[in-house]
């Protein structure tokens, strides 16, 4: 016979003591809120057919080579993974044309971004990042007790020269994202090179290229690789991930490339066995299937064209993006519009926590997913008066 477990009442004295024990910077942190999972929406609303366009995931999934590599490695689950990620680093070295001792593999690019803050910044130091930049930069800064310096955005993107001018004697790190998440903005080569020359070499520059593979396939963008500047700027760190174009978000594999001495410092505080075995073998195999990456970028381009055409047709403002998402301005009722979309089985991403409370970020899905989203989006926008039947009918008659 089982008995219900009795919960101990919370002691106000103990809670007060814990507040005194915890690091003060931890008290100031609001936990990161990820995109709503499909299963959660199904449980909450009973919606079975769900399209998730909230987390910038690859709608094609991952390469079949990665799946096969996982299946072939299942018998090895009783062993610890390779703590040095030797084979993946060798594959990355060949793919990137960089020495293996310049590469650090992490549990998603989040981990390597945080390791930089943990190794190089502390109380009394400053870390610079842009308004509307990836929230992990600010969180990493808070965790180590450093002071975050948020530089106002320019056209929703990085104002690189303003960020360079914000450097003081206390500055240790500058975090940049290109393309930026959640706005999708992109700074080009000339501005980047001027920025590099303006920043002192005793300040680390972390260039987050999580969406690089999508930019690399866009002929209309003056795309560049941060890897090309590593030899001339030893204070530069470039991070990338397997979670986006490679479709391995569930496995959490990211990496950075930097001067070997920086990598050595980060390895000293990196957790042993920080990347699991299945993630390592899947990433190594995924790297060999560049045709899949190219196909993913093509699906992304096609989906963006369809979404942009819809937004332009109904005169809905949006931030032009070179990533695999578009951030759309829907007005003061953004939260309510998001809830209405959920009732239609469509998950997108509110970005009010980035200071963009009138916007929703929409990841690009397959053609079928985009069609379901656009149908639901049109219906919801009509219901909320963002677009009107008169406007729609007049548009169709043109």
Foldseek 3Di string as FASTA:
>chain_A
DDDDDDDDDDDPVVVVVVCVVDDPLVVVDDDDDAFDDLVVLCVPQVDDDFFEFAHQFQQVAADVLLVVLLVVCPVVVVDFADQQLVLLLVLVCVVLVHDSLQKDKFQALLVVLLLLLVLWHAAQAEEEEEQLADCSNVVSCSVRNYHYDYDYADLSAHPLVSRLVPDDPRAAEYEHEALGPPAQDHDADVSVVVSLVSHDLNHAYEYEDAQVLLVVLDPVGRDDDPSVCQVVRQSYKYKYGCRHLRNPVVQRMIMIGHDSVSSVSSVVPDDGSRGGRSSSSSSSSSSVPVVSSNVSSVQLVVQVVVVVVLCVLQVWDWRDHSGQKIKTFQPPCVVVLQVQVSSLNYTWHQDVVSVRRRITIGGGHGPVSSVSSSVSSVVSCCVVVSGHPVSVVVSVVD
